[in-house]
Amino acid sequence: MASADPAMVVVTTANGDERSGCLVGFHAQSSIAPHGYAVWISKANHTYGVVVRATHLAVHFLTEDDAELAATFGTLTGDRVDKFARVAWRRGPAGVPILNGSDHGLVGRKVSLLDDGGDHVIVTIDPVEVWSREPFTPLRLSAVESPIDTFERWRGDGPSDLDVVVTGMPRQISFAPSGVTTGFANATYTLVRGSARKQVIVSRYGRVRIQ
């Protein structure tokens, strides 16, 4: 599936004063008449909880020049960071955040949300506002994070630079385009620095829990 190299979008939504947004690789036109669009939202994302309660979503189609925008919405979590404090945006229909830097996108009314038991839910929307300036070259998955970047992160010195000792079975963790890890169920590591000890658990869905 990685060879398909999908175009990336940023999906934003709001429920009252709560805003959220995330980078999405699963999306497509879902109907011609009436017009319809569908996005797949990971249950692991903060955005999922807001989408369930929201009435509208915005889909921002990213260009090759939008790597920084992709990084903001793809590497930070709304549980801890206000992503919208880092970008310029305006309120759209139903209070949905529309990113000012996005030249191509749409806002749609949520029509349905389907949970088929997987790690993503399918949300279909009825477009109520659409904008685009000109044809563009989309930002694709391969440009968001290359295998070389991932390799360097896992192979770098990491915690050892801070005198943290990591114990646990060494593993090479691979992520499918869906965000699900392949090759293991859960991986558990122990971080030790002096008398401090923390356990890090990485689930097969790419979730990290520290206890």
N, C-alpha and C. Protein backbone atom coordinates (compact mmCIF):
# COMPACT_ATOMS: atom_id res chain seq x y z
N MET A 1 0.82 -1.21 0.00
CA MET A 1 0.00 0.00 0.00
C MET A 1 0.86 1.26 0.00
N ALA A 2 2.08 1.17 0.57
CA ALA A 2 2.94 2.36 0.60
C ALA A 2 3.27 2.83 -0.81
N SER A 3 3.30 1.88 -1.76
CA SER A 3 3.63 2.24 -3.14
C SER A 3 2.57 3.14 -3.76
N ALA A 4 1.36 3.13 -3.20
CA ALA A 4 0.30 4.00 -3.72
C ALA A 4 0.63 5.46 -3.47
N ASP A 5 1.41 5.73 -2.41
CA ASP A 5 1.90 7.07 -2.09
C ASP A 5 0.77 8.11 -2.13
N PRO A 6 -0.19 8.02 -1.22
CA PRO A 6 -1.36 8.90 -1.28
C PRO A 6 -1.04 10.37 -1.05
N ALA A 7 -1.88 11.22 -1.59
CA ALA A 7 -1.80 12.66 -1.33
C ALA A 7 -2.26 12.90 0.10
N MET A 8 -1.63 13.86 0.77
CA MET A 8 -1.93 14.13 2.17
C MET A 8 -2.84 15.34 2.31
N VAL A 9 -3.72 15.28 3.30
CA VAL A 9 -4.60 16.40 3.61
C VAL A 9 -4.56 16.65 5.12
N VAL A 10 -4.96 17.84 5.51
CA VAL A 10 -5.16 18.14 6.92
C VAL A 10 -6.66 18.29 7.14
N VAL A 11 -7.20 17.53 8.07
CA VAL A 11 -8.61 17.60 8.42
C VAL A 11 -8.74 18.37 9.73
N THR A 12 -9.60 19.38 9.75
CA THR A 12 -9.85 20.14 10.97
C THR A 12 -11.34 20.09 11.30
N THR A 13 -11.64 20.26 12.57
CA THR A 13 -13.03 20.24 13.00
C THR A 13 -13.15 20.97 14.32
N ALA A 14 -14.38 21.19 14.75
CA ALA A 14 -14.61 21.87 16.03
C ALA A 14 -15.95 21.44 16.60
N ASN A 15 -15.99 21.43 17.93
CA ASN A 15 -17.22 21.19 18.65
C ASN A 15 -17.28 22.23 19.76
N GLY A 16 -18.07 23.27 19.55
CA GLY A 16 -18.06 24.38 20.49
C GLY A 16 -16.72 25.08 20.45
N ASP A 17 -16.09 25.23 21.62
CA ASP A 17 -14.78 25.89 21.69
C ASP A 17 -13.63 24.91 21.53
N GLU A 18 -13.93 23.64 21.39
CA GLU A 18 -12.86 22.64 21.23
C GLU A 18 -12.54 22.46 19.75
N ARG A 19 -11.27 22.68 19.41
CA ARG A 19 -10.81 22.52 18.03
C ARG A 19 -9.81 21.38 17.94
N SER A 20 -9.74 20.77 16.77
CA SER A 20 -8.75 19.73 16.57
C SER A 20 -8.47 19.56 15.08
N GLY A 21 -7.33 18.97 14.78
CA GLY A 21 -6.97 18.72 13.39
C GLY A 21 -5.84 17.72 13.31
N CYS A 22 -5.78 17.00 12.21
CA CYS A 22 -4.73 15.99 12.06
C CYS A 22 -4.40 15.79 10.58
N LEU A 23 -3.24 15.21 10.35
CA LEU A 23 -2.80 14.87 9.00
C LEU A 23 -3.43 13.54 8.61
N VAL A 24 -3.98 13.48 7.40
CA VAL A 24 -4.73 12.30 6.96
C VAL A 24 -4.25 11.86 5.57
N GLY A 25 -4.07 10.56 5.42
CA GLY A 25 -3.67 10.01 4.13
C GLY A 25 -4.77 9.21 3.46
N PHE A 26 -5.82 8.87 4.22
CA PHE A 26 -6.93 8.10 3.68
C PHE A 26 -8.11 9.04 3.43
N HIS A 27 -8.43 9.29 2.16
CA HIS A 27 -9.54 10.19 1.83
C HIS A 27 -9.86 10.02 0.35
N ALA A 28 -11.10 10.32 -0.03
CA ALA A 28 -11.50 10.17 -1.44
C ALA A 28 -12.88 10.76 -1.66
N GLN A 29 -13.16 11.11 -2.92
CA GLN A 29 -14.52 11.48 -3.30
C GLN A 29 -15.39 10.26 -3.13
N SER A 30 -16.54 10.42 -2.52
CA SER A 30 -17.39 9.26 -2.23
C SER A 30 -18.70 9.27 -3.00
N SER A 31 -19.03 10.37 -3.67
CA SER A 31 -20.27 10.44 -4.43
C SER A 31 -20.17 11.55 -5.47
N ILE A 32 -20.80 11.32 -6.63
CA ILE A 32 -20.83 12.33 -7.69
C ILE A 32 -22.10 13.17 -7.59
N ALA A 33 -23.23 12.51 -7.45
CA ALA A 33 -24.49 13.23 -7.31
C ALA A 33 -25.35 12.53 -6.25
N PRO A 34 -25.52 13.14 -5.11
CA PRO A 34 -24.98 14.45 -4.72
C PRO A 34 -23.48 14.35 -4.43
N HIS A 35 -22.82 15.51 -4.41
CA HIS A 35 -21.39 15.52 -4.13
C HIS A 35 -21.13 14.99 -2.72
N GLY A 36 -20.10 14.22 -2.60
CA GLY A 36 -19.75 13.68 -1.29
C GLY A 36 -18.26 13.42 -1.19
N TYR A 37 -17.72 13.52 0.01
CA TYR A 37 -16.30 13.25 0.24
C TYR A 37 -16.19 12.43 1.51
N ALA A 38 -15.15 11.61 1.60
CA ALA A 38 -14.95 10.75 2.76
C ALA A 38 -13.52 10.85 3.25
N VAL A 39 -13.37 10.84 4.57
CA VAL A 39 -12.05 10.82 5.19
C VAL A 39 -12.05 9.72 6.25
N TRP A 40 -10.89 9.13 6.43
CA TRP A 40 -10.72 8.10 7.45
C TRP A 40 -9.90 8.70 8.59
N ILE A 41 -10.44 8.69 9.81
CA ILE A 41 -9.79 9.29 10.96
C ILE A 41 -9.36 8.20 11.93
N SER A 42 -8.10 8.24 12.34
CA SER A 42 -7.57 7.25 13.29
C SER A 42 -8.21 7.44 14.66
N LYS A 43 -8.59 6.33 15.27
CA LYS A 43 -9.16 6.38 16.62
C LYS A 43 -8.12 6.80 17.65
N ALA A 44 -6.85 6.70 17.29
CA ALA A 44 -5.78 7.06 18.22
C ALA A 44 -5.57 8.57 18.28
N ASN A 45 -6.14 9.30 17.33
CA ASN A 45 -5.93 10.74 17.26
C ASN A 45 -6.89 11.51 18.17
N HIS A 46 -6.41 12.62 18.71
CA HIS A 46 -7.27 13.53 19.47
C HIS A 46 -8.43 14.00 18.62
N THR A 47 -8.19 14.15 17.32
CA THR A 47 -9.23 14.64 16.40
C THR A 47 -10.45 13.71 16.37
N TYR A 48 -10.22 12.44 16.57
CA TYR A 48 -11.31 11.47 16.52
C TYR A 48 -12.41 11.82 17.53
N GLY A 49 -12.00 12.13 18.76
CA GLY A 49 -12.98 12.44 19.79
C GLY A 49 -13.81 13.67 19.48
N VAL A 50 -13.19 14.63 18.79
CA VAL A 50 -13.91 15.85 18.43
C VAL A 50 -14.82 15.59 17.22
N VAL A 51 -14.32 14.82 16.26
CA VAL A 51 -15.09 14.51 15.06
C VAL A 51 -16.40 13.81 15.42
N VAL A 52 -16.36 12.93 16.41
CA VAL A 52 -17.57 12.20 16.80
C VAL A 52 -18.69 13.16 17.19
N ARG A 53 -18.33 14.28 17.83
CA ARG A 53 -19.34 15.22 18.33
C ARG A 53 -19.58 16.39 17.38
N ALA A 54 -18.71 16.58 16.39
CA ALA A 54 -18.80 17.74 15.50
C ALA A 54 -19.88 17.56 14.43
N THR A 55 -20.30 18.67 13.84
CA THR A 55 -21.28 18.63 12.75
C THR A 55 -20.63 18.88 11.39
N HIS A 56 -19.43 19.50 11.37
CA HIS A 56 -18.77 19.85 10.12
C HIS A 56 -17.27 19.54 10.21
N LEU A 57 -16.66 19.28 9.06
CA LEU A 57 -15.22 19.06 8.94
C LEU A 57 -14.70 19.89 7.78
N ALA A 58 -13.43 20.27 7.87
CA ALA A 58 -12.74 20.90 6.75
C ALA A 58 -11.62 20.00 6.28
N VAL A 59 -11.46 19.89 4.98
CA VAL A 59 -10.39 19.10 4.38
C VAL A 59 -9.49 20.05 3.59
N HIS A 60 -8.23 20.14 3.99
CA HIS A 60 -7.26 21.03 3.33
C HIS A 60 -6.31 20.18 2.50
N PHE A 61 -6.31 20.40 1.19
CA PHE A 61 -5.46 19.64 0.29
C PHE A 61 -4.07 20.29 0.26
N LEU A 62 -3.06 19.53 0.64
CA LEU A 62 -1.71 20.08 0.78
C LEU A 62 -0.93 20.02 -0.53
N THR A 63 -0.11 21.03 -0.75
CA THR A 63 0.77 21.08 -1.91
C THR A 63 2.19 20.75 -1.49
N GLU A 64 3.09 20.68 -2.45
CA GLU A 64 4.49 20.39 -2.14
C GLU A 64 5.12 21.44 -1.24
N ASP A 65 4.52 22.62 -1.16
CA ASP A 65 5.05 23.70 -0.33
C ASP A 65 4.51 23.67 1.09
N ASP A 66 3.68 22.68 1.41
CA ASP A 66 3.01 22.65 2.71
C ASP A 66 3.61 21.65 3.70
N ALA A 67 4.89 21.34 3.54
CA ALA A 67 5.53 20.35 4.42
C ALA A 67 5.49 20.79 5.89
N GLU A 68 5.67 22.08 6.12
CA GLU A 68 5.66 22.57 7.51
C GLU A 68 4.27 22.43 8.13
N LEU A 69 3.25 22.70 7.35
CA LEU A 69 1.88 22.54 7.82
C LEU A 69 1.60 21.07 8.13
N ALA A 70 2.09 20.19 7.27
CA ALA A 70 1.93 18.75 7.48
C ALA A 70 2.62 18.32 8.77
N ALA A 71 3.80 18.86 9.03
CA ALA A 71 4.54 18.51 10.24
C ALA A 71 3.79 18.96 11.49
N THR A 72 3.21 20.15 11.43
CA THR A 72 2.46 20.66 12.60
C THR A 72 1.29 19.76 12.94
N PHE A 73 0.54 19.34 11.94
CA PHE A 73 -0.66 18.55 12.20
C PHE A 73 -0.40 17.05 12.18
N GLY A 74 0.81 16.64 11.79
CA GLY A 74 1.11 15.22 11.73
C GLY A 74 2.03 14.72 12.82
N THR A 75 2.76 15.62 13.49
CA THR A 75 3.72 15.17 14.51
C THR A 75 3.38 15.64 15.91
N LEU A 76 2.43 16.57 16.05
CA LEU A 76 2.02 17.06 17.37
C LEU A 76 0.65 16.50 17.73
N THR A 77 0.37 16.36 19.01
CA THR A 77 -0.93 15.85 19.43
C THR A 77 -1.74 16.94 20.10
N GLY A 78 -3.01 16.99 19.76
CA GLY A 78 -3.91 17.98 20.34
C GLY A 78 -4.17 17.75 21.81
N ASP A 79 -3.77 16.58 22.33
CA ASP A 79 -3.92 16.32 23.76
C ASP A 79 -3.01 17.23 24.58
N ARG A 80 -1.89 17.64 23.98
CA ARG A 80 -0.89 18.41 24.72
C ARG A 80 -0.57 19.77 24.11
N VAL A 81 -0.83 19.94 22.83
CA VAL A 81 -0.42 21.15 22.12
C VAL A 81 -1.61 21.77 21.40
N ASP A 82 -1.72 23.10 21.46
CA ASP A 82 -2.71 23.80 20.66
C ASP A 82 -2.09 24.07 19.29
N LYS A 83 -2.38 23.21 18.34
CA LYS A 83 -1.80 23.35 17.01
C LYS A 83 -2.22 24.66 16.35
N PHE A 84 -3.41 25.13 16.69
CA PHE A 84 -3.94 26.32 16.02
C PHE A 84 -3.28 27.60 16.53
N ALA A 85 -2.53 27.50 17.61
CA ALA A 85 -1.76 28.65 18.08
C ALA A 85 -0.50 28.83 17.23
N ARG A 86 -0.19 27.84 16.41
CA ARG A 86 1.02 27.86 15.59
C ARG A 86 0.75 28.20 14.14
N VAL A 87 -0.53 28.33 13.77
CA VAL A 87 -0.88 28.62 12.37
C VAL A 87 -1.94 29.71 12.33
N ALA A 88 -2.04 30.37 11.18
CA ALA A 88 -3.10 31.36 10.98
C ALA A 88 -4.35 30.64 10.48
N TRP A 89 -5.49 30.99 11.05
CA TRP A 89 -6.73 30.33 10.65
C TRP A 89 -7.92 31.27 10.87
N ARG A 90 -9.05 30.90 10.29
CA ARG A 90 -10.28 31.67 10.46
C ARG A 90 -11.42 30.70 10.73
N ARG A 91 -12.50 31.20 11.27
CA ARG A 91 -13.67 30.37 11.53
C ARG A 91 -14.49 30.19 10.25
N GLY A 92 -14.82 28.97 9.96
CA GLY A 92 -15.66 28.67 8.82
C GLY A 92 -17.05 28.26 9.28
N PRO A 93 -17.82 27.62 8.42
CA PRO A 93 -19.15 27.16 8.79
C PRO A 93 -19.12 26.31 10.06
N ALA A 94 -20.06 26.56 10.98
CA ALA A 94 -20.17 25.83 12.24
C ALA A 94 -18.91 25.95 13.09
N GLY A 95 -18.13 27.03 12.86
CA GLY A 95 -16.93 27.25 13.67
C GLY A 95 -15.74 26.41 13.30
N VAL A 96 -15.82 25.69 12.19
CA VAL A 96 -14.70 24.83 11.77
C VAL A 96 -13.48 25.69 11.43
N PRO A 97 -12.29 25.35 11.96
CA PRO A 97 -11.09 26.13 11.62
C PRO A 97 -10.68 25.90 10.17
N ILE A 98 -10.51 27.00 9.43
CA ILE A 98 -10.00 26.94 8.06
C ILE A 98 -8.61 27.55 8.07
N LEU A 99 -7.63 26.81 7.62
CA LEU A 99 -6.24 27.26 7.65
C LEU A 99 -6.00 28.29 6.56
N ASN A 100 -5.53 29.46 6.94
CA ASN A 100 -5.34 30.55 5.98
C ASN A 100 -4.30 30.21 4.91
N GLY A 101 -3.35 29.38 5.25
CA GLY A 101 -2.29 29.06 4.31
C GLY A 101 -2.66 28.00 3.30
N SER A 102 -3.86 27.49 3.38
CA SER A 102 -4.29 26.43 2.46
C SER A 102 -5.06 27.03 1.29
N ASP A 103 -4.55 26.84 0.07
CA ASP A 103 -5.20 27.39 -1.13
C ASP A 103 -6.22 26.45 -1.73
N HIS A 104 -6.35 25.24 -1.19
CA HIS A 104 -7.24 24.25 -1.78
C HIS A 104 -7.92 23.47 -0.66
N GLY A 105 -9.23 23.44 -0.67
CA GLY A 105 -9.91 22.70 0.39
C GLY A 105 -11.41 22.76 0.28
N LEU A 106 -12.06 22.18 1.26
CA LEU A 106 -13.51 22.19 1.32
C LEU A 106 -13.95 22.03 2.77
N VAL A 107 -15.16 22.53 3.03
CA VAL A 107 -15.83 22.31 4.31
C VAL A 107 -17.09 21.52 4.02
N GLY A 108 -17.36 20.52 4.84
CA GLY A 108 -18.54 19.71 4.60
C GLY A 108 -19.32 19.42 5.87
N ARG A 109 -20.61 19.25 5.71
CA ARG A 109 -21.48 18.83 6.80
C ARG A 109 -21.35 17.32 6.99
N LYS A 110 -21.17 16.90 8.21
CA LYS A 110 -21.01 15.46 8.47
C LYS A 110 -22.33 14.74 8.19
N VAL A 111 -22.25 13.75 7.31
CA VAL A 111 -23.43 12.98 6.94
C VAL A 111 -23.49 11.67 7.72
N SER A 112 -22.33 11.01 7.83
CA SER A 112 -22.32 9.73 8.53
C SER A 112 -20.93 9.46 9.10
N LEU A 113 -20.88 8.61 10.10
CA LEU A 113 -19.62 8.14 10.68
C LEU A 113 -19.75 6.63 10.86
N LEU A 114 -18.88 5.88 10.20
CA LEU A 114 -18.95 4.42 10.24
C LEU A 114 -17.73 3.86 10.95
N ASP A 115 -17.99 3.06 11.97
CA ASP A 115 -16.93 2.32 12.67
C ASP A 115 -17.11 0.85 12.32
N ASP A 116 -16.21 0.34 11.45
CA ASP A 116 -16.33 -1.05 11.01
C ASP A 116 -15.47 -2.00 11.84
N GLY A 117 -14.95 -1.50 12.96
CA GLY A 117 -14.14 -2.35 13.83
C GLY A 117 -12.66 -2.19 13.64
N GLY A 118 -12.24 -1.41 12.64
CA GLY A 118 -10.81 -1.20 12.42
C GLY A 118 -10.28 -0.09 13.30
N ASP A 119 -9.06 0.36 13.01
CA ASP A 119 -8.46 1.40 13.83
C ASP A 119 -8.77 2.80 13.32
N HIS A 120 -9.54 2.91 12.23
CA HIS A 120 -10.00 4.19 11.69
C HIS A 120 -11.53 4.17 11.57
N VAL A 121 -12.13 5.33 11.65
CA VAL A 121 -13.56 5.47 11.33
C VAL A 121 -13.68 6.21 10.01
N ILE A 122 -14.74 5.93 9.27
CA ILE A 122 -14.98 6.56 7.98
C ILE A 122 -16.02 7.66 8.17
N VAL A 123 -15.67 8.87 7.81
CA VAL A 123 -16.59 10.00 7.94
C VAL A 123 -16.92 10.52 6.55
N THR A 124 -18.19 10.55 6.21
CA THR A 124 -18.60 11.12 4.92
C THR A 124 -19.19 12.51 5.17
N ILE A 125 -18.90 13.42 4.25
CA ILE A 125 -19.36 14.80 4.41
C ILE A 125 -19.99 15.30 3.11
N ASP A 126 -20.90 16.23 3.27
CA ASP A 126 -21.56 16.91 2.15
C ASP A 126 -20.95 18.30 2.03
N PRO A 127 -20.16 18.58 0.98
CA PRO A 127 -19.47 19.87 0.87
C PRO A 127 -20.44 21.05 0.85
N VAL A 128 -20.12 22.07 1.68
CA VAL A 128 -20.93 23.30 1.70
C VAL A 128 -20.09 24.51 1.29
N GLU A 129 -18.78 24.35 1.26
CA GLU A 129 -17.88 25.41 0.82
C GLU A 129 -16.64 24.77 0.22
N VAL A 130 -16.25 25.23 -0.97
CA VAL A 130 -15.10 24.67 -1.68
C VAL A 130 -14.26 25.83 -2.21
N TRP A 131 -12.93 25.68 -2.12
CA TRP A 131 -12.06 26.72 -2.68
C TRP A 131 -10.80 26.09 -3.28
N SER A 132 -10.33 26.66 -4.37
CA SER A 132 -9.10 26.21 -5.01
C SER A 132 -8.66 27.28 -6.01
N ARG A 133 -7.38 27.56 -6.04
CA ARG A 133 -6.87 28.62 -6.90
C ARG A 133 -6.50 28.12 -8.30
N GLU A 134 -5.79 27.01 -8.36
CA GLU A 134 -5.27 26.53 -9.64
C GLU A 134 -4.81 25.09 -9.46
N PRO A 135 -4.53 24.38 -10.54
CA PRO A 135 -3.99 23.02 -10.40
C PRO A 135 -2.71 23.04 -9.56
N PHE A 136 -2.48 21.97 -8.81
CA PHE A 136 -1.32 21.93 -7.93
C PHE A 136 -0.76 20.51 -7.85
N THR A 137 0.48 20.44 -7.40
CA THR A 137 1.11 19.14 -7.16
C THR A 137 0.94 18.79 -5.69
N PRO A 138 0.26 17.69 -5.38
CA PRO A 138 -0.03 17.38 -3.98
C PRO A 138 1.21 16.94 -3.20
N LEU A 139 1.16 17.20 -1.92
CA LEU A 139 2.17 16.68 -1.00
C LEU A 139 1.82 15.22 -0.72
N ARG A 140 2.76 14.32 -0.98
CA ARG A 140 2.48 12.90 -0.84
C ARG A 140 3.14 12.30 0.39
N LEU A 141 2.68 11.12 0.76
CA LEU A 141 3.16 10.43 1.96
C LEU A 141 4.68 10.31 1.97
N SER A 142 5.25 9.98 0.82
CA SER A 142 6.70 9.77 0.74
C SER A 142 7.48 11.03 1.06
N ALA A 143 6.87 12.20 0.87
CA ALA A 143 7.55 13.46 1.14
C ALA A 143 7.39 13.91 2.59
N VAL A 144 6.42 13.33 3.29
CA VAL A 144 6.17 13.71 4.67
C VAL A 144 7.22 13.13 5.59
N GLU A 145 7.53 11.87 5.40
CA GLU A 145 8.58 11.25 6.21
C GLU A 145 9.22 10.15 5.39
N SER A 146 10.50 10.32 5.13
CA SER A 146 11.21 9.34 4.32
C SER A 146 11.74 8.22 5.20
N PRO A 147 12.00 7.04 4.63
CA PRO A 147 12.58 5.95 5.41
C PRO A 147 13.92 6.35 6.04
N ILE A 148 14.66 7.22 5.37
CA ILE A 148 15.96 7.64 5.92
C ILE A 148 15.74 8.41 7.22
N ASP A 149 14.77 9.33 7.23
CA ASP A 149 14.48 10.09 8.44
C ASP A 149 14.11 9.15 9.59
N THR A 150 13.24 8.18 9.30
CA THR A 150 12.80 7.24 10.33
C THR A 150 13.98 6.44 10.86
N PHE A 151 14.83 5.98 9.97
CA PHE A 151 15.99 5.18 10.36
C PHE A 151 16.88 5.95 11.31
N GLU A 152 17.13 7.22 11.00
CA GLU A 152 18.01 8.03 11.84
C GLU A 152 17.42 8.24 13.22
N ARG A 153 16.12 8.40 13.31
CA ARG A 153 15.51 8.61 14.61
C ARG A 153 15.68 7.39 15.50
N TRP A 154 15.49 6.21 14.92
CA TRP A 154 15.56 4.99 15.73
C TRP A 154 16.98 4.59 16.04
N ARG A 155 17.92 4.93 15.17
CA ARG A 155 19.30 4.51 15.35
C ARG A 155 20.16 5.55 16.08
N GLY A 156 19.64 6.76 16.27
CA GLY A 156 20.42 7.80 16.93
C GLY A 156 20.67 7.47 18.39
N ASP A 157 21.50 8.28 19.06
CA ASP A 157 21.85 8.03 20.46
C ASP A 157 20.63 8.17 21.37
N GLY A 158 19.75 9.10 21.06
CA GLY A 158 18.50 9.23 21.80
C GLY A 158 18.71 9.43 23.29
N PRO A 159 18.02 8.62 24.13
CA PRO A 159 18.08 8.81 25.58
C PRO A 159 19.47 8.67 26.17
N SER A 160 20.37 7.94 25.52
CA SER A 160 21.70 7.75 26.08
C SER A 160 22.46 9.06 26.22
N ASP A 161 22.09 10.06 25.41
CA ASP A 161 22.71 11.38 25.53
C ASP A 161 22.43 12.02 26.89
N LEU A 162 21.33 11.57 27.55
CA LEU A 162 20.94 12.12 28.84
C LEU A 162 21.21 11.13 29.97
N ASP A 163 22.12 10.17 29.71
CA ASP A 163 22.48 9.15 30.70
C ASP A 163 21.30 8.26 31.08
N VAL A 164 20.38 8.08 30.14
CA VAL A 164 19.25 7.19 30.37
C VAL A 164 19.59 5.82 29.79
N VAL A 165 19.40 4.79 30.58
CA VAL A 165 19.67 3.42 30.14
C VAL A 165 18.36 2.78 29.71
N VAL A 166 18.34 2.20 28.53
CA VAL A 166 17.15 1.55 28.00
C VAL A 166 17.35 0.05 28.05
N THR A 167 16.42 -0.65 28.68
CA THR A 167 16.48 -2.11 28.71
C THR A 167 15.22 -2.67 28.07
N GLY A 168 15.36 -3.81 27.44
CA GLY A 168 14.25 -4.44 26.73
C GLY A 168 14.78 -5.07 25.47
N MET A 169 14.01 -5.99 24.92
CA MET A 169 14.44 -6.70 23.73
C MET A 169 14.54 -5.75 22.54
N PRO A 170 15.70 -5.67 21.88
CA PRO A 170 15.82 -4.78 20.71
C PRO A 170 14.85 -5.23 19.61
N ARG A 171 14.18 -4.29 19.02
CA ARG A 171 13.24 -4.60 17.94
C ARG A 171 13.36 -3.55 16.85
N GLN A 172 13.12 -3.96 15.64
CA GLN A 172 12.95 -3.00 14.55
C GLN A 172 11.46 -2.86 14.32
N ILE A 173 10.94 -1.66 14.53
CA ILE A 173 9.50 -1.42 14.45
C ILE A 173 9.17 -0.77 13.11
N SER A 174 8.29 -1.39 12.35
CA SER A 174 7.88 -0.86 11.06
C SER A 174 6.42 -0.46 11.13
N PHE A 175 6.09 0.67 10.50
CA PHE A 175 4.72 1.16 10.49
C PHE A 175 4.16 1.06 9.07
N ALA A 176 2.97 0.48 8.96
CA ALA A 176 2.26 0.45 7.68
C ALA A 176 1.70 1.84 7.41
N PRO A 177 1.30 2.13 6.15
CA PRO A 177 0.73 3.45 5.84
C PRO A 177 -0.47 3.79 6.70
N SER A 178 -1.17 2.77 7.22
CA SER A 178 -2.33 3.01 8.08
C SER A 178 -1.93 3.51 9.45
N GLY A 179 -0.63 3.43 9.77
CA GLY A 179 -0.17 3.82 11.09
C GLY A 179 -0.05 2.66 12.05
N VAL A 180 -0.47 1.46 11.62
CA VAL A 180 -0.39 0.26 12.46
C VAL A 180 0.99 -0.36 12.32
N THR A 181 1.57 -0.75 13.45
CA THR A 181 2.87 -1.38 13.40
C THR A 181 2.73 -2.82 12.92
N THR A 182 3.79 -3.33 12.34
CA THR A 182 3.77 -4.69 11.82
C THR A 182 4.85 -5.52 12.50
N GLY A 183 4.53 -6.78 12.75
CA GLY A 183 5.55 -7.70 13.25
C GLY A 183 5.53 -7.96 14.74
N PHE A 184 4.71 -7.26 15.52
CA PHE A 184 4.64 -7.55 16.94
C PHE A 184 3.34 -7.02 17.52
N ALA A 185 2.98 -7.50 18.72
CA ALA A 185 1.77 -7.02 19.37
C ALA A 185 2.10 -5.77 20.18
N ASN A 186 2.78 -5.94 21.33
CA ASN A 186 3.22 -4.80 22.12
C ASN A 186 4.71 -4.93 22.39
N ALA A 187 5.40 -3.83 22.49
CA ALA A 187 6.81 -3.82 22.87
C ALA A 187 6.95 -3.00 24.15
N THR A 188 7.67 -3.55 25.13
CA THR A 188 7.83 -2.87 26.41
C THR A 188 9.31 -2.61 26.68
N TYR A 189 9.61 -1.38 27.07
CA TYR A 189 10.99 -0.99 27.37
C TYR A 189 11.02 -0.30 28.73
N THR A 190 12.13 -0.41 29.42
CA THR A 190 12.31 0.26 30.71
C THR A 190 13.41 1.29 30.58
N LEU A 191 13.11 2.53 30.99
CA LEU A 191 14.08 3.61 30.98
C LEU A 191 14.53 3.86 32.41
N VAL A 192 15.85 3.87 32.63
CA VAL A 192 16.38 4.06 33.98
C VAL A 192 17.41 5.18 33.98
N ARG A 193 17.25 6.11 34.90
CA ARG A 193 18.22 7.18 35.10
C ARG A 193 18.35 7.39 36.61
N GLY A 194 19.48 6.96 37.18
CA GLY A 194 19.66 7.03 38.62
C GLY A 194 18.64 6.16 39.30
N SER A 195 17.88 6.74 40.23
CA SER A 195 16.85 5.97 40.94
C SER A 195 15.49 6.04 40.23
N ALA A 196 15.41 6.86 39.16
CA ALA A 196 14.15 7.00 38.44
C ALA A 196 13.98 5.87 37.43
N ARG A 197 12.77 5.38 37.31
CA ARG A 197 12.48 4.27 36.40
C ARG A 197 11.12 4.49 35.75
N LYS A 198 11.06 4.38 34.43
CA LYS A 198 9.81 4.50 33.70
C LYS A 198 9.69 3.35 32.71
N GLN A 199 8.46 2.90 32.53
CA GLN A 199 8.20 1.84 31.56
C GLN A 199 7.50 2.45 30.35
N VAL A 200 8.00 2.13 29.15
CA VAL A 200 7.42 2.63 27.91
C VAL A 200 6.84 1.46 27.14
N ILE A 201 5.57 1.56 26.80
CA ILE A 201 4.89 0.49 26.07
C ILE A 201 4.43 1.04 24.73
N VAL A 202 4.85 0.37 23.65
CA VAL A 202 4.44 0.75 22.29
C VAL A 202 3.46 -0.30 21.79
N SER A 203 2.23 0.12 21.50
CA SER A 203 1.23 -0.84 21.04
C SER A 203 1.34 -1.03 19.53
N ARG A 204 0.64 -2.03 19.04
CA ARG A 204 0.68 -2.31 17.60
C ARG A 204 -0.02 -1.21 16.79
N TYR A 205 -0.75 -0.32 17.46
CA TYR A 205 -1.39 0.79 16.77
C TYR A 205 -0.53 2.04 16.79
N GLY A 206 0.72 1.89 17.29
CA GLY A 206 1.62 3.02 17.30
C GLY A 206 1.43 3.93 18.50
N ARG A 207 0.59 3.52 19.44
CA ARG A 207 0.36 4.34 20.64
C ARG A 207 1.49 4.09 21.64
N VAL A 208 1.92 5.15 22.28
CA VAL A 208 2.98 5.06 23.27
C VAL A 208 2.42 5.41 24.64
N ARG A 209 2.61 4.52 25.60
CA ARG A 209 2.15 4.77 26.96
C ARG A 209 3.35 4.71 27.91
N ILE A 210 3.47 5.72 28.76
CA ILE A 210 4.55 5.76 29.73
C ILE A 210 3.96 5.63 31.12
N GLN A 211 4.51 4.71 31.91
CA GLN A 211 3.99 4.52 33.26
C GLN A 211 5.12 4.25 34.24
